Structures are given as C-alpha cells and as structure tokens.
Amino acid sequence: MWLLKIAVLAMFAGATLSGCAVGPDYRPPDAPNTTVYTATPLPEKTAAAPVAGGEAQHFISKQDIPDQWWTIFHSQELDQLIRRALEYNPTLSAARSTLRQAQENLNAGYGGLFPSVDAQASVSRQKISGSAIGQQAINISPFTLYNASVSISYALDIFGGVRRELESLQSQVDYQKFQLEGAYLTLTSNIVTTAVKEASLRAQILSTRDIIDAQDQQLKVVEKQFQLGGVSRSDVLAQKAQLAQTLATLPPLEKELDQTRHQLSVLTGRLPSEAGLPEFDLDGLKLPQELPVSLPSELVRQRPDIRASEALLHAACAQVGVATANLYPQVTLTGSYGSEATKAGDLFKGSTAVWDIGAGLLQPVFRGGELTARRRASIAAYDAAFAQYREAVLLAFQNVADVLRALDGDALALKAQADSEIAARDALELTRQQFQLGAVSYLTLLNAERVYQQARIGLIQAQALRYADTAALFQALGGGWWNRRPQDSAVKKTD
C-alpha cells in the first residue's frame, strides 16, 4: 500500500510538471498554390477514333476516385486477379509486417510515460570480515541473507523529451502506413498495366499470324505465276524473304508474352508454373470514358508517397524536440520497499523491513559540445526531410501532368494510327488487284504489305497505350485509398 501511494504520487507529480514540451511544434506544409497541373489548359475531352478503345475520354475536375478503381475496366478476371494479389503478394505482406513492427515500437515507447515497478528476490551465502564494520578482531561466521523487495522509478517528463520521442514513433507508424498504401497502389497498378501488356501482345501475335497466313497465300500465288511465266524467280524469292521476316517477329512476341504471364503470376503470389491464371485480351477490357482529375490542393493529401514523406518530416521535427529536451535537467523519483533477513521465515516481519525513497536531478554541465551538436544535427536532418518532401511534391505534380498530357496525346496517336491502318489496308488491297492485272511491280506489292503490317501492329500498340495510361492516371492521383471501406483496408490486416 505504501509503495502504491508513492507510484500514484509520482504519476501525479509527472502529470503536473509535464505541462510543456520544448522544441518546435509540427505544422504540416501548405499545399502548392496552384489550381492547374499543366501550363496550358487541358481539353474537356480527348479525340475519338473509329476503333475499339477509341472512345473519347472526358476530364472531370473535382470528381472523387473510387477505391477499387480497376473495376472501371469492367473485367471480372482482372478484378479477381487483383483480389488474390492483395491477399497473397509477398511485398504487401512484408509492408503489413513492417507496419506492425512500427506499431509495437510505439506501444513500447508509451512505457516511458509511466513509473517502472520491479519486484526482486534473492538469497545469498556470505562471509564478511569484522573490518567491514570497524571491528578487525571480530570473527563473523558465514550466514545466509534473504532479500525480497519492490522498487519503483519514474523519470519526470518535465520538458517533453519522452512525448517528443512518442511523437516521432507515431510518425514512423504513419510513414509505414503510407508505405503500405503505396505498395497497395503500386501492386494494383502493376497488375492492370501488366494485364494490358498481355492483351496487347496477344493481339500483336494474332495479327502477326494473320499477316503470315496472308503472305503465305500470296507466296503460293506468286509461285504459280512463276510456273506460268508471269513473274521472275526474284519475285518468288522476295516474297519468301518477306514471309521469313514476318515469321522472325513472332518468337520475340511469344517470349515477351510468356515473361509477362510469369510476371503476373509472381505479382499474385504464384509460381510461374502454377495453373489457373486468366488470359487477357483487349476486347475483354472497357476503356473508361470519364476520368477524374483531383484538385491540385488535394493531391498532397491523396498521394501515399507524399504522405509518407510528410510523416518522415514530422518525425524529424519531433527529434529536434528530443535533442532540445536533452539540454535541460532530468528529474527522477525512486523508491523501494522490502525485507532482509537471515532466515526465510523472518521475511516480511516488521523488524526486517527496509525501504528508501529519493529523488535525483541530472543537469548536463559539460559534454564537450555533444548535446548542442546533436541538436544542430537534428535540425539539419529536419531541413533535409523538408527538402525531400518538396521533391516528392514536385515529382508527384510532374507525374500527374505527364499522364494528363499522355492521355491527350494517346488519343490523337490512336486516331492517327487508325487512319493509317485503314489507308494501309485499302492500299494493300488495291495493290494486290493491280498486281494481279500486271499494273504494278511486285516490289510495290511487297512495300504495301510491309506498310500494312507496321500500321496494324502500331494500331494495337496505340490501343493498349490508352488503357495503360488510364491506369497510370489513377495511380498518379493516389488510387482512392481514402474511400476504402474498413473491411477492405490494407491497414486493417495488420491488426
């Protein structure tokens, strides 16, 4: 009971004296003073093209971003793949574990706000000399000493050093939380863009095979014409060379497709040899026609990388307070109560009681400049963290501006590629008819085939780029994590 009173008194004294914390109070940096992302205004909508994935996309200012933004592509296979990845991806699991570590470090830090109470018991066999008590002639026989006690120690946080350390630990928790959100966003974006890449490669392979079939049929026609004397041997060889060149483009595409499939497997936590991975094609994806564009003032609160950088800035600010508090006096209250006896049965008898109570004051006087140097170092670390925060903001705004311009350019490029593919297809058909009538040389036909092949592959690549850059926009704007339901939260799984 006596010791409990000391503990309560110590905590009361600490609460009374811990009224202030030295060092700077953290203030979040202001958002950039701008209302636009690009120097020149964006169009209200992008260009349209008369092909699949060629719909015009509208830029809608102030529209919020859905948390499961990938569902706007309307692919059930893509949604299922991402859900599996969120559960089994090792990078995400590691980020969750790191967050739990930071949370437990914070929990441990709260112990500094409370008195530490320790109980101890010991027994020892001793032989001491009479000279220890000023009686050299006395021969003291060996004896056994029993000891049982409870001790309490409480360091008063008068100048807020412990609270600043807790502030720093909380900022580390915030940092790891936004690192987890960043890993979540990167994972989902990588799966979408990898799925789009697979769809593009499948379309390119299918198109290449169609071209190979057409060139093979053309070769048979030329060989028959050669047998009839209508063309020269060089024309047959030229057609064979054209067919061989087209065939040579197929293996690299198939290799890249296999590697893309392997990447999707690993992103979802599977071995590349495991079955069950869905296949993606461009026809199975729907291009979103409404694109949200967050206000620039909101971007700094939405991007996980900016929030993580701000958390480090907050931690650095708190460490300045810790270093400042170390310059001031440190007051410690101590007390203990116990019993010492030469017989175990005599423990806790009134005559064997021992106790002590005390207070200590530590004021650094001379440390060779160590403490002031450490404070200056913490201030320099804060300045570095602030510069890194500014860089994160600048890169984020650049990222958004780049993607917005890319989406506008992608639409124009797709329209041009669509016109080019139509013109190349019509030109090839006309050239084939003219060649059969003998109106053009075989070299003209080969050139028309080559132009059409390039235009068709270019069209597929332009279609895929619109899907990929649309996903990049949602990633650049933060991915909508702030709208996620608690049961779907990436952070919830750390509990």
Protein backbone atom coordinates (compact mmCIF):
# COMPACT_ATOMS: atom_id res chain seq x y z
CA MET A 1 0.00 0.00 0.00
CA TRP A 2 2.83 2.38 0.90
CA LEU A 3 4.58 1.72 -2.39
CA LEU A 4 1.34 2.16 -4.34
CA LYS A 5 0.95 5.61 -2.78
CA ILE A 6 4.44 6.51 -3.98
CA ALA A 7 3.60 5.35 -7.51
CA VAL A 8 0.38 7.38 -7.60
CA LEU A 9 2.18 10.40 -6.18
CA ALA A 10 4.93 10.07 -8.77
CA MET A 11 2.45 9.91 -11.62
CA PHE A 12 0.58 12.91 -10.23
CA ALA A 13 3.81 14.86 -9.98
CA GLY A 14 4.72 13.88 -13.53
CA ALA A 15 1.34 14.96 -14.86
CA THR A 16 1.64 18.26 -13.00
CA LEU A 17 5.14 19.06 -14.14
CA SER A 18 4.85 17.76 -17.72
CA GLY A 19 2.90 20.70 -18.95
CA CYS A 20 5.08 21.73 -21.87
CA ALA A 21 7.36 20.17 -24.45
CA VAL A 22 10.37 22.04 -25.75
CA GLY A 23 11.27 22.07 -29.38
CA PRO A 24 9.18 23.11 -32.44
CA ASP A 25 5.55 22.06 -32.72
CA TYR A 26 4.97 20.34 -36.06
CA ARG A 27 2.91 22.17 -38.66
CA PRO A 28 2.04 20.43 -41.95
CA PRO A 29 3.45 22.23 -45.01
CA ASP A 30 1.00 24.18 -47.11
CA ALA A 31 -0.17 22.71 -50.41
CA PRO A 32 1.28 24.31 -53.56
CA ASN A 33 -0.56 27.47 -54.51
CA THR A 34 -1.85 26.35 -57.90
CA THR A 35 -5.16 25.32 -59.41
CA VAL A 36 -3.84 23.52 -62.52
CA TYR A 37 -1.39 20.76 -63.35
CA THR A 38 -0.21 21.93 -66.77
CA ALA A 39 0.93 25.27 -68.18
CA THR A 40 -1.69 25.14 -70.95
CA PRO A 41 -5.32 24.11 -70.34
CA LEU A 42 -6.41 20.55 -70.92
CA PRO A 43 -9.19 19.88 -73.43
CA GLU A 44 -12.56 18.91 -71.99
CA LYS A 45 -12.28 15.59 -73.79
CA THR A 46 -9.78 13.67 -75.86
CA ALA A 47 -10.00 12.85 -79.55
CA ALA A 48 -12.04 9.83 -80.68
CA ALA A 49 -11.10 7.12 -83.16
CA PRO A 50 -13.38 4.65 -85.03
CA VAL A 51 -11.81 1.55 -83.43
CA ALA A 52 -12.18 -0.46 -80.23
CA GLY A 53 -10.76 1.55 -77.34
CA GLY A 54 -11.05 4.73 -79.38
CA GLU A 55 -13.84 6.38 -77.38
CA ALA A 56 -13.35 9.98 -76.29
CA GLN A 57 -12.39 10.38 -72.64
CA HIS A 58 -13.73 13.30 -70.59
CA PHE A 59 -11.62 15.01 -67.92
CA ILE A 60 -13.89 15.72 -64.95
CA SER A 61 -12.50 18.11 -62.36
CA LYS A 62 -13.15 17.55 -58.63
CA GLN A 63 -14.55 14.06 -59.20
CA ASP A 64 -13.51 11.63 -56.49
CA ILE A 65 -11.64 8.40 -57.20
CA PRO A 66 -13.18 5.02 -56.35
CA ASP A 67 -11.14 2.85 -54.00
CA GLN A 68 -11.36 -0.17 -56.34
CA TRP A 69 -10.58 1.94 -59.37
CA TRP A 70 -9.55 -1.02 -61.53
CA THR A 71 -13.20 -2.15 -61.74
CA ILE A 72 -13.88 0.68 -64.19
CA PHE A 73 -12.23 -1.52 -66.86
CA HIS A 74 -15.19 -3.92 -66.41
CA SER A 75 -13.09 -7.09 -66.38
CA GLN A 76 -14.16 -9.72 -63.87
CA GLU A 77 -10.94 -11.67 -64.46
CA LEU A 78 -8.86 -8.58 -63.69
CA ASP A 79 -10.82 -7.90 -60.50
CA GLN A 80 -10.41 -11.49 -59.27
CA LEU A 81 -6.70 -11.44 -60.05
CA ILE A 82 -6.15 -8.25 -58.06
CA ARG A 83 -8.13 -9.56 -55.10
CA ARG A 84 -5.93 -12.63 -54.97
CA ALA A 85 -2.80 -10.49 -55.23
CA LEU A 86 -3.92 -8.31 -52.33
CA GLU A 87 -4.10 -11.43 -50.19
CA TYR A 88 -1.01 -13.34 -51.28
CA ASN A 89 1.52 -10.84 -52.65
CA PRO A 90 4.72 -11.08 -50.52
CA THR A 91 5.66 -7.41 -50.93
CA LEU A 92 2.32 -6.38 -49.46
CA SER A 93 2.69 -8.92 -46.66
CA ALA A 94 6.13 -7.54 -45.82
CA ALA A 95 4.74 -3.98 -45.72
CA ARG A 96 1.99 -5.09 -43.33
CA SER A 97 4.53 -6.75 -41.05
CA THR A 98 6.74 -3.65 -41.06
CA LEU A 99 3.72 -1.57 -40.05
CA ARG A 100 3.01 -3.94 -37.16
CA GLN A 101 6.63 -3.56 -36.07
CA ALA A 102 6.30 0.23 -36.02
CA GLN A 103 3.05 -0.01 -34.04
CA GLU A 104 4.66 -2.23 -31.42
CA ASN A 105 7.64 0.10 -31.15
CA LEU A 106 5.16 2.90 -30.42
CA ASN A 107 3.41 0.75 -27.82
CA ALA A 108 6.75 0.08 -26.17
CA GLY A 109 7.52 3.80 -26.16
CA TYR A 110 4.40 4.57 -24.12
CA GLY A 111 6.11 2.80 -21.21
CA GLY A 112 8.25 5.90 -20.74
CA LEU A 113 5.20 7.82 -19.52
CA PHE A 114 4.66 5.51 -16.54
CA PRO A 115 6.69 4.56 -13.48
CA SER A 116 8.68 1.36 -13.79
CA VAL A 117 7.98 -1.09 -10.98
CA ASP A 118 10.17 -4.14 -10.44
CA ALA A 119 9.96 -6.92 -7.90
CA GLN A 120 13.02 -8.92 -6.98
CA ALA A 121 14.04 -11.67 -4.58
CA SER A 122 17.44 -13.08 -3.81
CA VAL A 123 19.25 -15.40 -1.45
CA SER A 124 23.00 -15.41 -0.89
CA ARG A 125 25.53 -17.11 1.38
CA GLN A 126 28.02 -14.56 2.73
CA LYS A 127 31.18 -14.36 4.83
CA ILE A 128 32.32 -10.88 5.76
CA SER A 129 35.28 -9.60 7.80
CA GLY A 130 34.87 -7.65 11.02
CA SER A 131 36.90 -4.88 9.48
CA ALA A 132 33.90 -4.14 7.27
CA ILE A 133 32.18 -2.77 10.40
CA GLY A 134 35.31 -1.41 12.07
CA GLN A 135 35.97 -4.44 14.29
CA GLN A 136 39.02 -6.25 12.98
CA ALA A 137 39.20 -8.72 15.89
CA ILE A 138 35.66 -9.97 15.43
CA ASN A 139 35.32 -13.23 13.57
CA ILE A 140 31.92 -13.25 11.93
CA SER A 141 30.57 -16.64 10.93
CA PRO A 142 29.13 -17.22 7.44
CA PHE A 143 25.42 -16.51 7.18
CA THR A 144 22.61 -16.67 4.62
CA LEU A 145 20.85 -13.44 3.60
CA TYR A 146 17.35 -13.43 2.18
CA ASN A 147 16.04 -10.38 0.35
CA ALA A 148 12.64 -9.55 -1.15
CA SER A 149 11.74 -6.06 -2.37
CA VAL A 150 9.75 -3.94 -4.78
CA SER A 151 11.34 -0.88 -6.37
CA ILE A 152 9.85 1.99 -8.33
CA SER A 153 11.50 4.51 -10.60
CA TYR A 154 9.90 7.37 -12.50
CA ALA A 155 11.62 9.86 -14.76
CA LEU A 156 9.54 13.05 -14.88
CA ASP A 157 8.99 14.22 -18.46
CA ILE A 158 9.15 17.87 -17.47
CA PHE A 159 10.48 19.18 -20.78
CA GLY A 160 8.67 16.73 -23.05
CA GLY A 161 11.54 14.60 -24.27
CA VAL A 162 9.54 11.38 -23.88
CA ARG A 163 6.48 12.90 -25.51
CA ARG A 164 8.55 14.12 -28.45
CA GLU A 165 10.02 10.62 -28.79
CA LEU A 166 6.47 9.22 -28.84
CA GLU A 167 5.56 11.81 -31.44
CA SER A 168 8.46 10.57 -33.56
CA LEU A 169 7.41 6.94 -33.11
CA GLN A 170 3.83 7.79 -34.10
CA SER A 171 5.19 9.48 -37.22
CA GLN A 172 7.09 6.29 -38.02
CA VAL A 173 3.79 4.40 -37.76
CA ASP A 174 2.21 6.91 -40.15
CA TYR A 175 5.16 6.52 -42.51
CA GLN A 176 4.83 2.74 -42.60
CA LYS A 177 1.06 3.04 -43.05
CA PHE A 178 1.52 5.17 -46.16
CA GLN A 179 4.32 2.92 -47.35
CA LEU A 180 1.77 0.10 -47.17
CA GLU A 181 -0.76 2.19 -49.08
CA GLY A 182 1.92 2.94 -51.66
CA ALA A 183 2.70 -0.76 -52.02
CA TYR A 184 -1.04 -1.47 -52.37
CA LEU A 185 -1.37 1.16 -55.10
CA THR A 186 1.78 0.06 -56.93
CA LEU A 187 0.69 -3.58 -56.87
CA THR A 188 -2.79 -2.93 -58.25
CA SER A 189 -1.41 -0.58 -60.92
CA ASN A 190 1.28 -3.07 -61.95
CA ILE A 191 -1.29 -5.83 -62.34
CA VAL A 192 -3.52 -3.65 -64.52
CA THR A 193 -0.68 -2.48 -66.76
CA THR A 194 0.76 -6.00 -66.99
CA ALA A 195 -2.66 -7.37 -67.94
CA VAL A 196 -2.94 -4.66 -70.61
CA LYS A 197 0.52 -5.59 -71.86
CA GLU A 198 -0.53 -9.23 -72.11
CA ALA A 199 -3.66 -8.25 -74.03
CA SER A 200 -1.58 -6.13 -76.39
CA LEU A 201 0.93 -8.93 -77.00
CA ARG A 202 -1.85 -11.42 -77.70
CA ALA A 203 -3.38 -9.05 -80.22
CA GLN A 204 0.00 -8.45 -81.87
CA ILE A 205 0.65 -12.19 -82.08
CA LEU A 206 -2.80 -12.83 -83.56
CA SER A 207 -2.33 -10.02 -86.05
CA THR A 208 1.13 -11.26 -87.00
CA ARG A 209 -0.21 -14.75 -87.60
CA ASP A 210 -2.95 -13.35 -89.82
CA ILE A 211 -0.32 -11.47 -91.79
CA ILE A 212 1.78 -14.63 -92.05
CA ASP A 213 -1.22 -16.55 -93.39
CA ALA A 214 -1.90 -13.83 -95.96
CA GLN A 215 1.76 -13.72 -97.01
CA ASP A 216 1.86 -17.50 -97.26
CA GLN A 217 -1.17 -17.44 -99.55
CA GLN A 218 0.46 -14.69 -101.57
CA LEU A 219 3.60 -16.82 -101.88
CA LYS A 220 1.57 -19.68 -103.34
CA VAL A 221 0.04 -17.30 -105.88
CA VAL A 222 3.45 -15.94 -106.86
CA GLU A 223 4.91 -19.45 -107.21
CA LYS A 224 2.04 -20.41 -109.52
CA GLN A 225 2.59 -17.25 -111.55
CA PHE A 226 6.27 -18.09 -111.78
CA GLN A 227 5.43 -21.55 -113.12
CA LEU A 228 3.26 -19.90 -115.76
CA GLY A 229 5.98 -17.40 -116.59
CA GLY A 230 4.12 -14.39 -115.23
CA VAL A 231 6.81 -13.34 -112.72
CA SER A 232 10.51 -13.79 -112.32
CA ARG A 233 12.39 -16.02 -109.91
CA SER A 234 13.50 -12.92 -107.98
CA ASP A 235 9.85 -12.09 -107.22
CA VAL A 236 9.36 -15.52 -105.64
CA LEU A 237 12.50 -15.11 -103.54
CA ALA A 238 11.41 -11.63 -102.49
CA GLN A 239 8.05 -12.98 -101.27
CA LYS A 240 9.79 -15.78 -99.37
CA ALA A 241 12.09 -13.23 -97.76
CA GLN A 242 9.11 -11.09 -96.75
CA LEU A 243 7.39 -14.12 -95.22
CA ALA A 244 10.58 -15.12 -93.38
CA GLN A 245 10.97 -11.62 -91.95
CA THR A 246 7.41 -11.65 -90.64
CA LEU A 247 7.90 -15.11 -89.15
CA ALA A 248 11.02 -13.84 -87.38
CA THR A 249 8.93 -11.24 -85.48
CA LEU A 250 6.74 -13.92 -83.92
CA PRO A 251 9.15 -15.65 -81.46
CA PRO A 252 10.13 -12.39 -79.65
CA LEU A 253 6.45 -11.57 -79.17
CA GLU A 254 5.73 -15.05 -77.82
CA LYS A 255 8.73 -14.85 -75.49
CA GLU A 256 7.58 -11.47 -74.15
CA LEU A 257 4.07 -12.86 -73.66
CA ASP A 258 5.43 -15.77 -71.60
CA GLN A 259 7.52 -13.41 -69.49
CA THR A 260 4.51 -11.16 -68.95
CA ARG A 261 2.48 -14.16 -67.78
CA HIS A 262 5.28 -15.09 -65.39
CA GLN A 263 5.26 -11.55 -64.00
CA LEU A 264 1.50 -11.70 -63.41
CA SER A 265 1.92 -15.00 -61.57
CA VAL A 266 4.55 -13.58 -59.23
CA LEU A 267 2.53 -10.41 -58.58
CA THR A 268 -0.34 -12.59 -57.39
CA GLY A 269 1.89 -14.73 -55.19
CA ARG A 270 2.00 -17.75 -57.50
CA LEU A 271 4.83 -19.72 -59.00
CA PRO A 272 5.09 -19.25 -62.79
CA SER A 273 4.41 -22.99 -63.16
CA GLU A 274 1.03 -22.83 -61.40
CA ALA A 275 -2.12 -23.05 -63.48
CA GLY A 276 -5.30 -21.00 -63.13
CA LEU A 277 -4.06 -17.61 -64.33
CA PRO A 278 -6.71 -15.94 -66.56
CA GLU A 279 -5.86 -14.75 -70.05
CA PHE A 280 -6.42 -11.15 -71.10
CA ASP A 281 -7.25 -9.59 -74.45
CA LEU A 282 -8.13 -6.04 -75.42
CA ASP A 283 -11.72 -6.96 -76.26
CA GLY A 284 -12.22 -8.01 -72.62
CA LEU A 285 -11.33 -4.53 -71.33
CA LYS A 286 -13.53 -1.44 -71.49
CA LEU A 287 -11.87 1.95 -71.77
CA PRO A 288 -13.21 4.36 -69.07
CA GLN A 289 -14.77 7.41 -70.67
CA GLU A 290 -14.87 9.59 -67.54
CA LEU A 291 -11.53 10.43 -65.95
CA PRO A 292 -11.44 12.14 -62.54
CA VAL A 293 -8.95 14.95 -62.06
CA SER A 294 -8.42 15.85 -58.40
CA LEU A 295 -7.80 19.43 -57.35
CA PRO A 296 -4.05 20.17 -57.04
CA SER A 297 -4.62 21.27 -53.44
CA GLU A 298 -5.94 17.77 -52.62
CA LEU A 299 -3.12 15.86 -54.28
CA VAL A 300 -0.73 16.29 -51.34
CA ARG A 301 -3.28 14.59 -49.06
CA GLN A 302 -4.03 11.78 -51.53
CA ARG A 303 -0.65 10.58 -52.76
CA PRO A 304 0.78 7.90 -50.41
CA ASP A 305 4.35 8.84 -51.29
CA ILE A 306 3.77 12.48 -50.32
CA ARG A 307 2.06 11.47 -47.08
CA ALA A 308 4.93 9.10 -46.28
CA SER A 309 7.46 11.87 -46.92
CA GLU A 310 5.45 14.20 -44.68
CA ALA A 311 5.47 11.58 -41.90
CA LEU A 312 9.26 11.49 -42.06
CA LEU A 313 9.28 15.28 -41.88
CA HIS A 314 7.09 15.11 -38.76
CA ALA A 315 9.44 12.52 -37.20
CA ALA A 316 12.44 14.74 -37.92
CA CYS A 317 10.68 17.70 -36.29
CA ALA A 318 9.98 15.62 -33.18
CA GLN A 319 13.63 14.57 -32.97
CA VAL A 320 14.60 18.24 -32.75
CA GLY A 321 12.40 18.39 -29.65
CA VAL A 322 14.06 15.29 -28.21
CA ALA A 323 17.52 16.78 -28.73
CA THR A 324 16.38 20.07 -27.18
CA ALA A 325 14.90 18.34 -24.12
CA ASN A 326 18.24 16.60 -23.51
CA LEU A 327 19.77 20.01 -22.81
CA TYR A 328 17.52 20.53 -19.79
CA PRO A 329 17.53 18.96 -16.31
CA GLN A 330 16.21 15.44 -15.86
CA VAL A 331 14.40 14.60 -12.62
CA THR A 332 13.98 11.00 -11.44
CA LEU A 333 11.96 9.77 -8.46
CA THR A 334 12.90 6.44 -6.90
CA GLY A 335 11.65 4.33 -4.04
CA SER A 336 11.84 0.78 -2.80
CA TYR A 337 10.31 -1.32 -0.04
CA GLY A 338 11.32 -4.80 1.02
CA SER A 339 12.64 -7.09 3.69
CA GLU A 340 16.06 -8.53 4.53
CA ALA A 341 16.53 -11.46 6.95
CA THR A 342 18.95 -14.24 7.72
CA LYS A 343 16.09 -16.71 7.91
CA ALA A 344 13.45 -17.18 5.23
CA GLY A 345 10.74 -17.34 7.87
CA ASP A 346 11.64 -13.89 9.16
CA LEU A 347 10.98 -12.18 5.83
CA PHE A 348 8.20 -9.57 5.89
CA LYS A 349 8.34 -9.21 9.67
CA GLY A 350 8.28 -5.63 10.84
CA SER A 351 11.79 -5.78 12.21
CA THR A 352 13.25 -6.86 8.87
CA ALA A 353 11.63 -4.14 6.75
CA VAL A 354 13.88 -1.92 4.66
CA TRP A 355 12.90 0.98 2.44
CA ASP A 356 14.22 4.05 0.73
CA ILE A 357 12.81 6.98 -1.19
CA GLY A 358 14.70 9.58 -3.11
CA ALA A 359 14.88 11.99 -5.99
CA GLY A 360 17.63 12.67 -8.47
CA LEU A 361 18.43 15.69 -10.61
CA LEU A 362 20.72 15.49 -13.61
CA GLN A 363 21.73 18.73 -15.31
CA PRO A 364 24.25 18.42 -18.15
CA VAL A 365 27.06 20.88 -17.48
CA PHE A 366 29.89 19.94 -19.79
CA ARG A 367 29.71 17.27 -22.51
CA GLY A 368 32.30 18.69 -24.89
CA GLY A 369 29.61 20.21 -27.10
CA GLU A 370 27.96 16.82 -27.71
CA LEU A 371 24.38 17.77 -26.85
CA THR A 372 24.33 21.05 -28.79
CA ALA A 373 25.96 19.34 -31.77
CA ARG A 374 23.30 16.63 -31.68
CA ARG A 375 20.60 19.29 -31.66
CA ARG A 376 22.17 21.04 -34.65
CA ALA A 377 22.36 17.65 -36.40
CA SER A 378 18.66 17.04 -35.77
CA ILE A 379 17.85 20.48 -37.21
CA ALA A 380 19.91 19.64 -40.31
CA ALA A 381 18.03 16.32 -40.59
CA TYR A 382 14.75 18.24 -40.46
CA ASP A 383 15.95 20.58 -43.23
CA ALA A 384 16.89 17.56 -45.35
CA ALA A 385 13.49 15.93 -44.70
CA PHE A 386 11.75 19.15 -45.74
CA ALA A 387 13.74 19.29 -48.99
CA GLN A 388 12.87 15.64 -49.68
CA TYR A 389 9.22 16.41 -49.01
CA ARG A 390 9.30 19.28 -51.51
CA GLU A 391 10.92 16.98 -54.07
CA ALA A 392 8.19 14.36 -53.52
CA VAL A 393 5.53 17.02 -54.14
CA LEU A 394 7.22 18.31 -57.29
CA LEU A 395 7.65 14.81 -58.72
CA ALA A 396 4.02 13.99 -57.93
CA PHE A 397 2.76 17.06 -59.78
CA GLN A 398 5.06 16.22 -62.68
CA ASN A 399 3.69 12.67 -62.68
CA VAL A 400 0.09 13.88 -62.92
CA ALA A 401 0.91 16.47 -65.59
CA ASP A 402 2.79 13.88 -67.66
CA VAL A 403 -0.08 11.40 -67.54
CA LEU A 404 -2.72 14.00 -68.40
CA ARG A 405 -0.74 15.09 -71.43
CA ALA A 406 -0.05 11.48 -72.33
CA LEU A 407 -3.77 10.67 -72.34
CA ASP A 408 -4.47 13.55 -74.69
CA GLY A 409 -1.57 12.52 -76.92
CA ASP A 410 -2.55 8.84 -76.80
CA ALA A 411 -5.99 9.68 -78.19
CA LEU A 412 -4.51 11.69 -81.05
CA ALA A 413 -1.96 8.95 -81.75
CA LEU A 414 -4.67 6.27 -81.82
CA LYS A 415 -6.77 8.31 -84.23
CA ALA A 416 -3.75 8.76 -86.50
CA GLN A 417 -2.87 5.05 -86.26
CA ALA A 418 -6.48 4.09 -87.04
CA ASP A 419 -6.47 6.32 -90.14
CA SER A 420 -3.07 4.91 -91.10
CA GLU A 421 -4.24 1.30 -90.70
CA ILE A 422 -7.36 1.90 -92.80
CA ALA A 423 -5.36 3.64 -95.51
CA ALA A 424 -2.67 0.91 -95.50
CA ARG A 425 -5.29 -1.85 -95.71
CA ASP A 426 -7.09 -0.18 -98.61
CA ALA A 427 -3.77 0.48 -100.38
CA LEU A 428 -2.71 -3.16 -99.96
CA GLU A 429 -6.00 -4.47 -101.35
CA LEU A 430 -5.78 -2.14 -104.34
CA THR A 431 -2.12 -3.01 -104.96
CA ARG A 432 -2.94 -6.75 -104.91
CA GLN A 433 -5.63 -6.24 -107.53
CA GLN A 434 -3.31 -4.12 -109.66
CA PHE A 435 -0.53 -6.68 -109.34
CA GLN A 436 -2.81 -9.49 -110.50
CA LEU A 437 -3.61 -7.36 -113.55
CA GLY A 438 0.06 -6.61 -114.10
CA ALA A 439 -0.38 -2.90 -113.50
CA VAL A 440 2.27 -2.63 -110.74
CA SER A 441 5.55 -4.35 -109.99
CA TYR A 442 5.98 -6.98 -107.34
CA LEU A 443 8.22 -4.62 -105.38
CA THR A 444 5.26 -2.26 -104.99
CA LEU A 445 3.17 -5.10 -103.58
CA LEU A 446 5.86 -6.06 -101.07
CA ASN A 447 6.13 -2.47 -99.91
CA ALA A 448 2.34 -2.25 -99.46
CA GLU A 449 2.39 -5.44 -97.38
CA ARG A 450 5.18 -4.10 -95.19
CA VAL A 451 3.38 -0.78 -94.60
CA TYR A 452 0.14 -2.57 -93.68
CA GLN A 453 1.93 -4.89 -91.25
CA GLN A 454 3.55 -1.94 -89.46
CA ALA A 455 0.26 0.01 -89.38
CA ARG A 456 -1.67 -2.91 -87.90
CA ILE A 457 0.87 -3.55 -85.13
CA GLY A 458 1.09 0.19 -84.45
CA LEU A 459 -2.69 0.38 -84.06
CA ILE A 460 -2.69 -2.39 -81.45
CA GLN A 461 0.11 -0.74 -79.51
CA ALA A 462 -1.73 2.61 -79.59
CA GLN A 463 -4.90 0.96 -78.29
CA ALA A 464 -3.03 -0.68 -75.40
CA LEU A 465 -1.26 2.57 -74.51
CA ARG A 466 -4.59 4.29 -73.82
CA TYR A 467 -5.54 1.57 -71.32
CA ALA A 468 -2.14 1.64 -69.64
CA ASP A 469 -2.01 5.44 -69.32
CA THR A 470 -5.57 5.47 -67.97
CA ALA A 471 -4.41 3.16 -65.17
CA ALA A 472 -1.37 5.41 -64.69
CA LEU A 473 -3.68 8.39 -64.09
CA PHE A 474 -5.48 6.65 -61.23
CA GLN A 475 -2.12 5.70 -59.76
CA ALA A 476 -0.81 9.27 -60.13
CA LEU A 477 -3.86 10.67 -58.31
CA GLY A 478 -3.45 8.33 -55.33
CA GLY A 479 -5.76 5.43 -56.14
CA GLY A 480 -8.70 6.36 -53.89
CA TRP A 481 -7.39 4.65 -50.73
CA TRP A 482 -9.20 7.26 -48.59
CA ASN A 483 -12.55 5.90 -49.85
CA ARG A 484 -11.77 2.30 -48.93
CA ARG A 485 -14.17 0.58 -46.55
CA PRO A 486 -12.68 -0.58 -43.22
CA GLN A 487 -13.16 -4.26 -44.09
CA ASP A 488 -11.21 -3.72 -47.34
CA SER A 489 -8.45 -1.64 -45.80
CA ALA A 490 -4.85 -2.60 -46.42
CA VAL A 491 -4.03 -1.36 -42.92
CA LYS A 492 -6.78 -3.41 -41.26
CA LYS A 493 -4.92 -6.64 -41.98
CA THR A 494 -2.11 -5.56 -39.68
CA ASP A 495 -4.31 -5.92 -36.60
